[in-house]
């Protein structure tokens, strides 16, 4: 286990996650505001194996974990921690069937606590402006707008930042 919230458990991905991982990564609605396009089952299998392999790489800076619902142990999404030389980015995706159940807010709060615990100073999130639900989650958790821009899909997008030493 990486961390947990009241209803969710965040853990490493495993090969048994392939079917729901594919459901997540092949749904155009899930990917509407994200980078990438829906992939085939085979492409998602290859990606899942690559993500699992990264856990053992010494200088890995791209962590994708499974979000599991505690009550029934079902995979319902993924959470990301991406480190680069400038920013530490968070992100999350949920299966469409669990949207509007408060999991986004819950995982964001959990990520903030986890990132503080592992010694991060600030985290960022990128949200396509039309994705009002995600923008609202970050704003409700004291993320501040840093800049707005047009992404490579020609969508208006906003970069948010949270100073973990102040919150």
N, C-alpha and C. Protein backbone atom coordinates (compact mmCIF):
# COMPACT_ATOMS: atom_id res chain seq x y z
N UNK A 1 0.84 -1.19 0.00
CA UNK A 1 0.00 0.00 0.00
C UNK A 1 0.88 1.24 0.00
N UNK A 2 0.49 2.21 -0.81
CA UNK A 2 1.21 3.48 -0.87
C UNK A 2 0.61 4.45 0.15
N UNK A 3 -0.71 4.63 0.10
CA UNK A 3 -1.44 5.38 1.12
C UNK A 3 -2.90 5.03 0.99
N UNK A 4 -3.69 5.49 1.96
CA UNK A 4 -5.13 5.22 1.92
C UNK A 4 -5.90 6.44 2.38
N UNK A 5 -7.16 6.46 1.99
CA UNK A 5 -8.10 7.48 2.44
C UNK A 5 -9.25 6.74 3.11
N UNK A 6 -10.29 7.43 3.44
CA UNK A 6 -11.42 6.79 4.11
C UNK A 6 -11.99 5.63 3.30
N UNK A 7 -12.18 5.84 1.99
CA UNK A 7 -12.82 4.82 1.16
C UNK A 7 -11.90 4.16 0.14
N UNK A 8 -10.68 4.68 0.01
CA UNK A 8 -9.80 4.25 -1.07
C UNK A 8 -8.45 3.76 -0.58
N UNK A 9 -7.88 2.84 -1.35
CA UNK A 9 -6.55 2.31 -1.08
C UNK A 9 -5.72 2.56 -2.34
N UNK A 10 -4.54 3.15 -2.17
CA UNK A 10 -3.66 3.40 -3.30
C UNK A 10 -2.52 2.40 -3.20
N UNK A 11 -2.33 1.63 -4.28
CA UNK A 11 -1.35 0.55 -4.29
C UNK A 11 -0.68 0.48 -5.65
N UNK A 12 0.37 -0.33 -5.73
CA UNK A 12 1.03 -0.54 -7.01
C UNK A 12 0.10 -1.29 -7.95
N UNK A 13 0.23 -0.99 -9.22
CA UNK A 13 -0.50 -1.72 -10.25
C UNK A 13 0.01 -3.16 -10.31
N UNK A 14 -0.87 -4.08 -10.67
CA UNK A 14 -0.51 -5.49 -10.87
C UNK A 14 -1.15 -5.96 -12.17
N UNK A 15 -0.67 -7.07 -12.71
CA UNK A 15 -1.20 -7.57 -13.98
C UNK A 15 -2.69 -7.89 -13.90
N UNK A 16 -3.19 -8.26 -12.73
CA UNK A 16 -4.62 -8.54 -12.57
C UNK A 16 -5.48 -7.30 -12.79
N UNK A 17 -4.87 -6.12 -12.84
CA UNK A 17 -5.61 -4.87 -13.10
C UNK A 17 -5.86 -4.65 -14.59
N UNK A 18 -5.41 -5.55 -15.45
CA UNK A 18 -5.44 -5.29 -16.88
C UNK A 18 -6.84 -4.97 -17.40
N UNK A 19 -7.84 -5.75 -17.05
CA UNK A 19 -9.18 -5.51 -17.61
C UNK A 19 -9.74 -4.13 -17.22
N UNK A 20 -9.76 -3.77 -15.93
CA UNK A 20 -10.27 -2.43 -15.60
C UNK A 20 -9.33 -1.31 -16.06
N UNK A 21 -8.01 -1.58 -16.10
CA UNK A 21 -7.06 -0.59 -16.63
C UNK A 21 -7.39 -0.32 -18.09
N UNK A 22 -7.67 -1.37 -18.84
CA UNK A 22 -8.05 -1.21 -20.24
C UNK A 22 -9.37 -0.43 -20.36
N UNK A 23 -10.32 -0.74 -19.50
CA UNK A 23 -11.61 -0.02 -19.50
C UNK A 23 -11.37 1.48 -19.30
N UNK A 24 -10.46 1.81 -18.39
CA UNK A 24 -10.12 3.20 -18.10
C UNK A 24 -9.44 3.87 -19.29
N UNK A 25 -8.42 3.22 -19.82
CA UNK A 25 -7.57 3.82 -20.84
C UNK A 25 -8.11 3.71 -22.26
N UNK A 26 -9.25 3.04 -22.43
CA UNK A 26 -9.85 2.96 -23.77
C UNK A 26 -11.16 3.74 -23.85
N UNK A 27 -11.53 4.41 -22.77
CA UNK A 27 -12.77 5.18 -22.74
C UNK A 27 -12.52 6.62 -23.20
N UNK A 28 -13.09 7.02 -24.33
CA UNK A 28 -12.87 8.39 -24.82
C UNK A 28 -13.36 9.46 -23.85
N UNK A 29 -14.37 9.16 -23.05
CA UNK A 29 -14.87 10.14 -22.07
C UNK A 29 -13.84 10.36 -20.96
N UNK A 30 -13.18 9.31 -20.51
CA UNK A 30 -12.13 9.43 -19.49
C UNK A 30 -10.97 10.24 -20.03
N UNK A 31 -10.63 10.03 -21.29
CA UNK A 31 -9.47 10.68 -21.89
C UNK A 31 -9.79 12.02 -22.56
N UNK A 32 -11.03 12.45 -22.46
CA UNK A 32 -11.47 13.69 -23.12
C UNK A 32 -10.58 14.88 -22.78
N UNK A 33 -10.18 14.99 -21.53
CA UNK A 33 -9.38 16.13 -21.10
C UNK A 33 -7.93 15.74 -20.80
N UNK A 34 -7.52 14.56 -21.19
CA UNK A 34 -6.18 14.06 -20.89
C UNK A 34 -5.36 13.95 -22.16
N UNK A 35 -4.06 13.78 -21.96
CA UNK A 35 -3.22 13.51 -23.11
C UNK A 35 -3.39 12.05 -23.50
N UNK A 36 -3.17 11.76 -24.73
CA UNK A 36 -3.31 10.39 -25.20
C UNK A 36 -4.68 10.13 -25.78
N UNK A 37 -4.77 9.01 -26.47
CA UNK A 37 -6.01 8.59 -27.11
C UNK A 37 -6.36 7.20 -26.64
N UNK A 38 -7.62 6.80 -26.78
CA UNK A 38 -7.99 5.43 -26.40
C UNK A 38 -7.11 4.41 -27.12
N UNK A 39 -6.71 3.38 -26.38
CA UNK A 39 -5.80 2.37 -26.93
C UNK A 39 -6.48 1.01 -26.98
N UNK A 40 -5.89 0.14 -27.77
CA UNK A 40 -6.35 -1.24 -27.88
C UNK A 40 -6.00 -2.00 -26.60
N UNK A 41 -6.62 -3.16 -26.44
CA UNK A 41 -6.32 -4.01 -25.29
C UNK A 41 -4.83 -4.35 -25.26
N UNK A 42 -4.27 -4.71 -26.39
CA UNK A 42 -2.86 -5.09 -26.47
C UNK A 42 -1.96 -3.91 -26.09
N UNK A 43 -2.28 -2.72 -26.58
CA UNK A 43 -1.48 -1.53 -26.25
C UNK A 43 -1.57 -1.21 -24.76
N UNK A 44 -2.76 -1.38 -24.17
CA UNK A 44 -2.92 -1.14 -22.74
C UNK A 44 -2.18 -2.19 -21.92
N UNK A 45 -2.16 -3.41 -22.40
CA UNK A 45 -1.41 -4.46 -21.71
C UNK A 45 0.08 -4.10 -21.69
N UNK A 46 0.59 -3.67 -22.82
CA UNK A 46 1.99 -3.27 -22.93
C UNK A 46 2.29 -2.10 -22.00
N UNK A 47 1.38 -1.11 -21.96
CA UNK A 47 1.58 0.05 -21.08
C UNK A 47 1.55 -0.36 -19.61
N UNK A 48 0.62 -1.22 -19.24
CA UNK A 48 0.53 -1.67 -17.85
C UNK A 48 1.82 -2.36 -17.44
N UNK A 49 2.33 -3.23 -18.28
CA UNK A 49 3.59 -3.93 -17.97
C UNK A 49 4.73 -2.92 -17.81
N UNK A 50 4.78 -1.92 -18.68
CA UNK A 50 5.82 -0.89 -18.60
C UNK A 50 5.70 -0.10 -17.29
N UNK A 51 4.49 0.23 -16.89
CA UNK A 51 4.29 0.98 -15.64
C UNK A 51 4.70 0.14 -14.43
N UNK A 52 4.38 -1.13 -14.45
CA UNK A 52 4.76 -2.03 -13.35
C UNK A 52 6.29 -2.16 -13.30
N UNK A 53 6.92 -2.26 -14.44
CA UNK A 53 8.38 -2.38 -14.52
C UNK A 53 9.07 -1.15 -13.94
N UNK A 54 8.48 0.02 -14.12
CA UNK A 54 9.08 1.27 -13.61
C UNK A 54 9.24 1.27 -12.09
N UNK A 55 8.41 0.52 -11.36
CA UNK A 55 8.53 0.51 -9.91
C UNK A 55 9.92 0.10 -9.44
N UNK A 56 10.60 -0.73 -10.22
CA UNK A 56 11.91 -1.23 -9.82
C UNK A 56 13.08 -0.47 -10.44
N UNK A 57 12.79 0.57 -11.19
CA UNK A 57 13.87 1.35 -11.79
C UNK A 57 14.39 2.35 -10.76
N UNK A 58 15.70 2.38 -10.54
CA UNK A 58 16.28 3.21 -9.47
C UNK A 58 15.97 4.70 -9.58
N UNK A 59 15.96 5.26 -10.77
CA UNK A 59 15.73 6.70 -10.91
C UNK A 59 14.38 7.00 -11.55
N UNK A 60 13.41 6.18 -11.24
CA UNK A 60 12.07 6.37 -11.79
C UNK A 60 11.50 7.70 -11.30
N UNK A 61 10.90 8.46 -12.19
CA UNK A 61 10.28 9.73 -11.81
C UNK A 61 8.84 9.81 -12.32
N UNK A 62 8.27 8.66 -12.63
CA UNK A 62 6.92 8.59 -13.20
C UNK A 62 6.18 7.43 -12.53
N UNK A 63 5.41 7.75 -11.53
CA UNK A 63 4.72 6.74 -10.73
C UNK A 63 3.23 6.75 -11.01
N UNK A 64 2.71 5.64 -11.47
CA UNK A 64 1.26 5.48 -11.65
C UNK A 64 0.83 4.35 -10.73
N UNK A 65 -0.15 4.62 -9.88
CA UNK A 65 -0.65 3.64 -8.92
C UNK A 65 -2.13 3.36 -9.17
N UNK A 66 -2.57 2.22 -8.70
CA UNK A 66 -3.98 1.85 -8.78
C UNK A 66 -4.74 2.49 -7.64
N UNK A 67 -5.97 2.89 -7.92
CA UNK A 67 -6.90 3.33 -6.88
C UNK A 67 -7.91 2.19 -6.73
N UNK A 68 -7.98 1.67 -5.53
CA UNK A 68 -8.86 0.54 -5.24
C UNK A 68 -9.91 0.98 -4.22
N UNK A 69 -11.14 0.63 -4.46
CA UNK A 69 -12.21 0.93 -3.50
C UNK A 69 -12.12 -0.09 -2.38
N UNK A 70 -12.03 0.37 -1.15
CA UNK A 70 -11.85 -0.53 0.00
C UNK A 70 -12.99 -1.51 0.18
N UNK A 71 -14.22 -1.06 0.02
CA UNK A 71 -15.36 -1.90 0.39
C UNK A 71 -15.51 -3.15 -0.46
N UNK A 72 -15.05 -3.10 -1.71
CA UNK A 72 -15.18 -4.29 -2.56
C UNK A 72 -13.88 -4.66 -3.28
N UNK A 73 -12.78 -3.98 -2.92
CA UNK A 73 -11.45 -4.27 -3.49
C UNK A 73 -11.39 -4.10 -5.01
N UNK A 74 -12.28 -3.28 -5.57
CA UNK A 74 -12.29 -3.13 -7.03
C UNK A 74 -11.42 -1.95 -7.46
N UNK A 75 -10.74 -2.15 -8.59
CA UNK A 75 -9.94 -1.12 -9.24
C UNK A 75 -10.92 -0.10 -9.82
N UNK A 76 -10.74 1.18 -9.45
CA UNK A 76 -11.63 2.22 -9.98
C UNK A 76 -10.90 3.35 -10.68
N UNK A 77 -9.56 3.30 -10.70
CA UNK A 77 -8.84 4.37 -11.37
C UNK A 77 -7.35 4.31 -11.11
N UNK A 78 -6.68 5.38 -11.55
CA UNK A 78 -5.23 5.50 -11.33
C UNK A 78 -4.90 6.88 -10.79
N UNK A 79 -3.79 6.94 -10.09
CA UNK A 79 -3.27 8.20 -9.58
C UNK A 79 -1.82 8.29 -10.04
N UNK A 80 -1.38 9.51 -10.37
CA UNK A 80 -0.03 9.71 -10.88
C UNK A 80 0.75 10.71 -10.03
N UNK A 81 2.03 10.41 -9.87
CA UNK A 81 3.00 11.34 -9.31
C UNK A 81 4.13 11.40 -10.33
N UNK A 82 4.31 12.55 -10.93
CA UNK A 82 5.32 12.71 -11.97
C UNK A 82 6.29 13.78 -11.52
N UNK A 83 7.55 13.41 -11.41
CA UNK A 83 8.58 14.36 -10.98
C UNK A 83 9.43 14.75 -12.18
N UNK A 84 9.74 16.03 -12.26
CA UNK A 84 10.73 16.47 -13.25
C UNK A 84 11.65 17.47 -12.56
N UNK A 85 12.49 18.11 -13.31
CA UNK A 85 13.46 19.02 -12.70
C UNK A 85 12.83 20.27 -12.10
N UNK A 86 11.60 20.59 -12.52
CA UNK A 86 10.99 21.83 -12.08
C UNK A 86 9.77 21.62 -11.18
N UNK A 87 8.93 20.67 -11.52
CA UNK A 87 7.66 20.51 -10.83
C UNK A 87 7.40 19.06 -10.46
N UNK A 88 6.61 18.87 -9.43
CA UNK A 88 6.08 17.57 -9.06
C UNK A 88 4.59 17.62 -9.34
N UNK A 89 4.17 16.85 -10.33
CA UNK A 89 2.78 16.90 -10.80
C UNK A 89 1.98 15.74 -10.24
N UNK A 90 0.72 16.03 -9.89
CA UNK A 90 -0.21 14.98 -9.50
C UNK A 90 -1.30 14.87 -10.57
N UNK A 91 -1.94 13.73 -10.62
CA UNK A 91 -3.05 13.54 -11.53
C UNK A 91 -3.82 12.28 -11.14
N UNK A 92 -5.02 12.16 -11.64
CA UNK A 92 -5.82 10.98 -11.34
C UNK A 92 -6.87 10.81 -12.42
N UNK A 93 -7.28 9.55 -12.61
CA UNK A 93 -8.34 9.20 -13.55
C UNK A 93 -9.21 8.15 -12.88
N UNK A 94 -10.50 8.26 -13.15
CA UNK A 94 -11.44 7.28 -12.61
C UNK A 94 -12.27 6.66 -13.72
N UNK A 95 -12.66 5.41 -13.50
CA UNK A 95 -13.61 4.78 -14.40
C UNK A 95 -14.87 5.63 -14.44
N UNK A 96 -15.47 5.76 -15.60
CA UNK A 96 -16.64 6.63 -15.75
C UNK A 96 -17.78 6.21 -14.82
N UNK A 97 -17.92 4.93 -14.54
CA UNK A 97 -19.03 4.46 -13.71
C UNK A 97 -18.93 4.92 -12.24
N UNK A 98 -17.78 5.48 -11.83
CA UNK A 98 -17.67 5.96 -10.45
C UNK A 98 -17.53 7.49 -10.37
N UNK A 99 -17.79 8.17 -11.48
CA UNK A 99 -17.76 9.62 -11.46
C UNK A 99 -18.89 10.15 -10.57
N UNK A 100 -18.68 11.34 -10.05
CA UNK A 100 -19.68 12.07 -9.24
C UNK A 100 -19.99 11.39 -7.91
N UNK A 101 -19.03 10.62 -7.38
CA UNK A 101 -19.20 9.98 -6.07
C UNK A 101 -18.25 10.55 -5.03
N UNK A 102 -17.57 11.65 -5.38
CA UNK A 102 -16.67 12.31 -4.43
C UNK A 102 -15.28 11.72 -4.35
N UNK A 103 -14.96 10.76 -5.22
CA UNK A 103 -13.64 10.15 -5.17
C UNK A 103 -12.53 11.11 -5.60
N UNK A 104 -12.81 12.01 -6.52
CA UNK A 104 -11.80 12.98 -6.96
C UNK A 104 -11.34 13.87 -5.82
N UNK A 105 -12.29 14.40 -5.06
CA UNK A 105 -11.94 15.24 -3.91
C UNK A 105 -11.18 14.43 -2.86
N UNK A 106 -11.63 13.21 -2.65
CA UNK A 106 -11.00 12.36 -1.63
C UNK A 106 -9.57 12.01 -2.03
N UNK A 107 -9.34 11.67 -3.28
CA UNK A 107 -7.99 11.30 -3.70
C UNK A 107 -7.08 12.52 -3.70
N UNK A 108 -7.60 13.68 -4.03
CA UNK A 108 -6.79 14.90 -4.01
C UNK A 108 -6.31 15.19 -2.58
N UNK A 109 -7.20 15.12 -1.62
CA UNK A 109 -6.81 15.33 -0.21
C UNK A 109 -5.78 14.30 0.22
N UNK A 110 -5.98 13.04 -0.18
CA UNK A 110 -5.03 11.99 0.15
C UNK A 110 -3.66 12.23 -0.48
N UNK A 111 -3.65 12.69 -1.72
CA UNK A 111 -2.38 13.00 -2.39
C UNK A 111 -1.65 14.13 -1.70
N UNK A 112 -2.38 15.14 -1.28
CA UNK A 112 -1.75 16.26 -0.58
C UNK A 112 -1.07 15.76 0.69
N UNK A 113 -1.76 14.97 1.47
CA UNK A 113 -1.18 14.42 2.71
C UNK A 113 0.03 13.54 2.42
N UNK A 114 -0.10 12.70 1.42
CA UNK A 114 0.99 11.79 1.06
C UNK A 114 2.22 12.58 0.59
N UNK A 115 2.01 13.57 -0.25
CA UNK A 115 3.12 14.37 -0.77
C UNK A 115 3.82 15.13 0.35
N UNK A 116 3.07 15.63 1.31
CA UNK A 116 3.68 16.27 2.48
C UNK A 116 4.53 15.26 3.24
N UNK A 117 3.98 14.10 3.44
CA UNK A 117 4.64 13.04 4.21
C UNK A 117 5.97 12.63 3.60
N UNK A 118 6.05 12.59 2.26
CA UNK A 118 7.30 12.18 1.61
C UNK A 118 8.23 13.37 1.34
N UNK A 119 7.88 14.54 1.87
CA UNK A 119 8.79 15.68 1.85
C UNK A 119 8.75 16.59 0.63
N UNK A 120 7.69 16.54 -0.13
CA UNK A 120 7.58 17.45 -1.27
C UNK A 120 7.24 18.84 -0.76
N UNK A 121 7.72 19.86 -1.46
CA UNK A 121 7.45 21.24 -1.07
C UNK A 121 6.25 21.84 -1.77
N UNK A 122 6.04 21.41 -3.02
CA UNK A 122 4.89 21.91 -3.76
C UNK A 122 4.49 20.85 -4.78
N UNK A 123 3.24 20.91 -5.18
CA UNK A 123 2.74 20.02 -6.22
C UNK A 123 1.93 20.86 -7.20
N UNK A 124 1.86 20.35 -8.42
CA UNK A 124 1.09 21.06 -9.44
C UNK A 124 0.07 20.11 -10.06
N UNK A 125 -0.90 20.70 -10.70
CA UNK A 125 -1.88 19.95 -11.46
C UNK A 125 -2.26 20.76 -12.69
N UNK A 126 -2.48 20.08 -13.79
CA UNK A 126 -2.92 20.72 -15.02
C UNK A 126 -4.36 20.29 -15.28
N UNK A 127 -5.22 21.25 -15.60
CA UNK A 127 -6.62 20.94 -15.85
C UNK A 127 -7.09 21.69 -17.09
N UNK A 128 -7.72 20.95 -18.00
CA UNK A 128 -8.36 21.58 -19.15
C UNK A 128 -9.53 22.40 -18.61
N UNK A 129 -9.64 23.64 -19.05
CA UNK A 129 -10.62 24.57 -18.48
C UNK A 129 -12.06 24.05 -18.56
N UNK A 130 -12.40 23.31 -19.59
CA UNK A 130 -13.76 22.76 -19.71
C UNK A 130 -14.05 21.67 -18.67
N UNK A 131 -13.03 21.16 -18.02
CA UNK A 131 -13.20 20.14 -17.00
C UNK A 131 -13.43 20.83 -15.65
N UNK A 132 -14.58 21.42 -15.51
CA UNK A 132 -14.89 22.23 -14.32
C UNK A 132 -14.82 21.42 -13.02
N UNK A 133 -15.20 20.16 -13.06
CA UNK A 133 -15.17 19.34 -11.84
C UNK A 133 -13.75 19.25 -11.29
N UNK A 134 -12.78 18.99 -12.17
CA UNK A 134 -11.38 18.89 -11.71
C UNK A 134 -10.83 20.23 -11.26
N UNK A 135 -11.18 21.30 -11.97
CA UNK A 135 -10.73 22.63 -11.55
C UNK A 135 -11.26 22.94 -10.15
N UNK A 136 -12.51 22.64 -9.93
CA UNK A 136 -13.15 22.91 -8.63
C UNK A 136 -12.47 22.13 -7.51
N UNK A 137 -12.09 20.87 -7.78
CA UNK A 137 -11.41 20.06 -6.77
C UNK A 137 -10.10 20.73 -6.36
N UNK A 138 -9.30 21.16 -7.33
CA UNK A 138 -8.03 21.80 -7.00
C UNK A 138 -8.25 23.12 -6.27
N UNK A 139 -9.18 23.92 -6.75
CA UNK A 139 -9.45 25.21 -6.11
C UNK A 139 -9.95 25.02 -4.68
N UNK A 140 -10.79 24.01 -4.45
CA UNK A 140 -11.29 23.74 -3.09
C UNK A 140 -10.20 23.22 -2.15
N UNK A 141 -9.08 22.78 -2.73
CA UNK A 141 -7.96 22.31 -1.93
C UNK A 141 -6.80 23.31 -1.92
N UNK A 142 -7.13 24.58 -2.18
CA UNK A 142 -6.20 25.71 -2.06
C UNK A 142 -5.10 25.76 -3.12
N UNK A 143 -5.27 25.06 -4.22
CA UNK A 143 -4.32 25.22 -5.33
C UNK A 143 -4.55 26.61 -5.93
N UNK A 144 -3.47 27.25 -6.33
CA UNK A 144 -3.54 28.58 -6.94
C UNK A 144 -3.23 28.49 -8.43
N UNK A 145 -3.89 29.32 -9.19
CA UNK A 145 -3.65 29.37 -10.63
C UNK A 145 -2.30 30.02 -10.89
N UNK A 146 -1.49 29.34 -11.69
CA UNK A 146 -0.16 29.84 -12.06
C UNK A 146 -0.18 30.46 -13.45
N UNK A 147 -0.80 29.76 -14.40
CA UNK A 147 -0.89 30.31 -15.75
C UNK A 147 -1.92 29.53 -16.56
N UNK A 148 -2.38 30.17 -17.61
CA UNK A 148 -3.30 29.53 -18.56
C UNK A 148 -2.62 29.49 -19.92
N UNK A 149 -2.96 28.48 -20.71
CA UNK A 149 -2.33 28.31 -22.02
C UNK A 149 -3.21 27.41 -22.87
N UNK A 150 -2.84 27.25 -24.13
CA UNK A 150 -3.52 26.33 -25.04
C UNK A 150 -2.63 25.11 -25.20
N UNK A 151 -3.20 23.92 -24.94
CA UNK A 151 -2.40 22.69 -25.00
C UNK A 151 -2.29 22.17 -26.44
N UNK A 152 -1.62 21.03 -26.59
CA UNK A 152 -1.39 20.49 -27.93
C UNK A 152 -2.65 19.89 -28.57
N UNK A 153 -3.74 19.79 -27.80
CA UNK A 153 -5.02 19.36 -28.37
C UNK A 153 -5.90 20.57 -28.67
N UNK A 154 -5.28 21.77 -28.62
CA UNK A 154 -5.95 23.04 -28.88
C UNK A 154 -7.07 23.33 -27.86
N UNK A 155 -6.83 22.92 -26.62
CA UNK A 155 -7.78 23.17 -25.52
C UNK A 155 -7.15 24.18 -24.56
N UNK A 156 -7.99 25.05 -24.02
CA UNK A 156 -7.53 25.97 -22.98
C UNK A 156 -7.26 25.15 -21.71
N UNK A 157 -6.10 25.38 -21.11
CA UNK A 157 -5.68 24.60 -19.94
C UNK A 157 -5.08 25.54 -18.90
N UNK A 158 -5.18 25.15 -17.64
CA UNK A 158 -4.65 25.95 -16.55
C UNK A 158 -3.70 25.11 -15.70
N UNK A 159 -2.59 25.74 -15.33
CA UNK A 159 -1.63 25.11 -14.41
C UNK A 159 -1.92 25.63 -13.01
N UNK A 160 -2.11 24.70 -12.08
CA UNK A 160 -2.36 25.03 -10.67
C UNK A 160 -1.17 24.59 -9.83
N UNK A 161 -0.98 25.26 -8.71
CA UNK A 161 0.13 24.92 -7.81
C UNK A 161 -0.34 25.00 -6.37
N UNK A 162 0.18 24.10 -5.55
CA UNK A 162 -0.09 24.12 -4.11
C UNK A 162 1.23 24.08 -3.37
N UNK A 163 1.46 25.09 -2.54
CA UNK A 163 2.65 25.15 -1.69
C UNK A 163 2.34 24.29 -0.46
N UNK A 164 3.01 23.17 -0.33
CA UNK A 164 2.72 22.23 0.76
C UNK A 164 3.26 22.71 2.10
N UNK A 165 4.13 23.71 2.09
CA UNK A 165 4.64 24.25 3.34
C UNK A 165 3.67 25.24 3.98
N UNK A 166 2.68 25.67 3.21
CA UNK A 166 1.69 26.64 3.71
C UNK A 166 0.35 25.99 4.01
N UNK A 167 0.11 24.81 3.47
CA UNK A 167 -1.20 24.19 3.63
C UNK A 167 -1.11 22.93 4.44
